[in-house]
């Protein structure tokens, strides 16, 4: 999986996790809300990309 993400993808994931960690340290409830929002956005983006690839016949 890491080879598919590349260096920028890994860096992005580390930054997101670090940001959530900082927020969780100060406000755990807010961190849970941010996590749920990020999870939802991830699901939407994955589905949107898959739909776009299917429309082009690539999936």
Protein backbone atom coordinates (compact mmCIF):
# COMPACT_ATOMS: atom_id res chain seq x y z
CA UNK A 1 0.00 0.00 0.00
CA UNK A 2 2.80 2.41 0.81
CA UNK A 3 4.29 2.05 -2.66
CA UNK A 4 0.98 3.18 -4.19
CA UNK A 5 0.80 6.28 -1.97
CA UNK A 6 4.26 7.55 -2.72
CA UNK A 7 6.27 9.93 -0.58
CA UNK A 8 3.72 12.74 -0.72
CA UNK A 9 0.87 10.42 0.26
CA UNK A 10 2.78 9.07 3.24
CA UNK A 11 3.74 12.59 4.31
CA UNK A 12 0.12 13.69 4.01
CA UNK A 13 -1.09 10.77 6.12
CA UNK A 14 1.54 11.50 8.77
CA UNK A 15 0.55 15.17 8.87
CA UNK A 16 -3.16 14.32 9.22
CA UNK A 17 -2.43 11.88 12.05
CA UNK A 18 -0.13 14.38 13.76
CA UNK A 19 -2.78 17.08 13.51
CA UNK A 20 -5.42 14.78 14.96
CA UNK A 21 -3.02 13.87 17.76
CA UNK A 22 -2.46 17.51 18.64
CA UNK A 23 -6.19 18.21 18.67
CA UNK A 24 -6.87 15.03 20.68
CA UNK A 25 -4.36 16.12 23.29
CA UNK A 26 -6.22 19.39 23.83
CA UNK A 27 -9.84 18.43 23.05
CA UNK A 28 -10.61 14.71 22.62
CA UNK A 29 -14.27 15.23 21.67
CA UNK A 30 -13.33 17.64 18.89
CA UNK A 31 -10.72 15.17 17.64
CA UNK A 32 -13.34 12.43 17.37
CA UNK A 33 -15.55 14.77 15.34
CA UNK A 34 -12.68 15.68 13.04
CA UNK A 35 -11.84 12.00 12.60
CA UNK A 36 -15.41 11.21 11.57
CA UNK A 37 -15.44 14.11 9.10
CA UNK A 38 -12.10 13.04 7.58
CA UNK A 39 -13.31 9.45 7.32
CA UNK A 40 -16.47 10.57 5.54
CA UNK A 41 -14.50 12.75 3.12
CA UNK A 42 -12.15 9.87 2.39
CA UNK A 43 -15.07 7.60 1.53
CA UNK A 44 -16.64 10.25 -0.70
CA UNK A 45 -13.41 10.94 -2.57
CA UNK A 46 -12.69 7.23 -3.10
CA UNK A 47 -16.20 6.66 -4.45
CA UNK A 48 -16.00 9.73 -6.68
CA UNK A 49 -12.67 8.66 -8.14
CA UNK A 50 -13.95 5.13 -8.70
CA UNK A 51 -17.07 6.44 -10.45
CA UNK A 52 -14.97 8.69 -12.66
CA UNK A 53 -12.66 5.83 -13.59
CA UNK A 54 -15.62 3.59 -14.36
CA UNK A 55 -17.07 6.25 -16.65
CA UNK A 56 -13.81 6.28 -18.60
CA UNK A 57 -13.67 2.50 -18.69
CA UNK A 58 -10.56 2.27 -16.52
CA UNK A 59 -11.95 0.30 -13.58
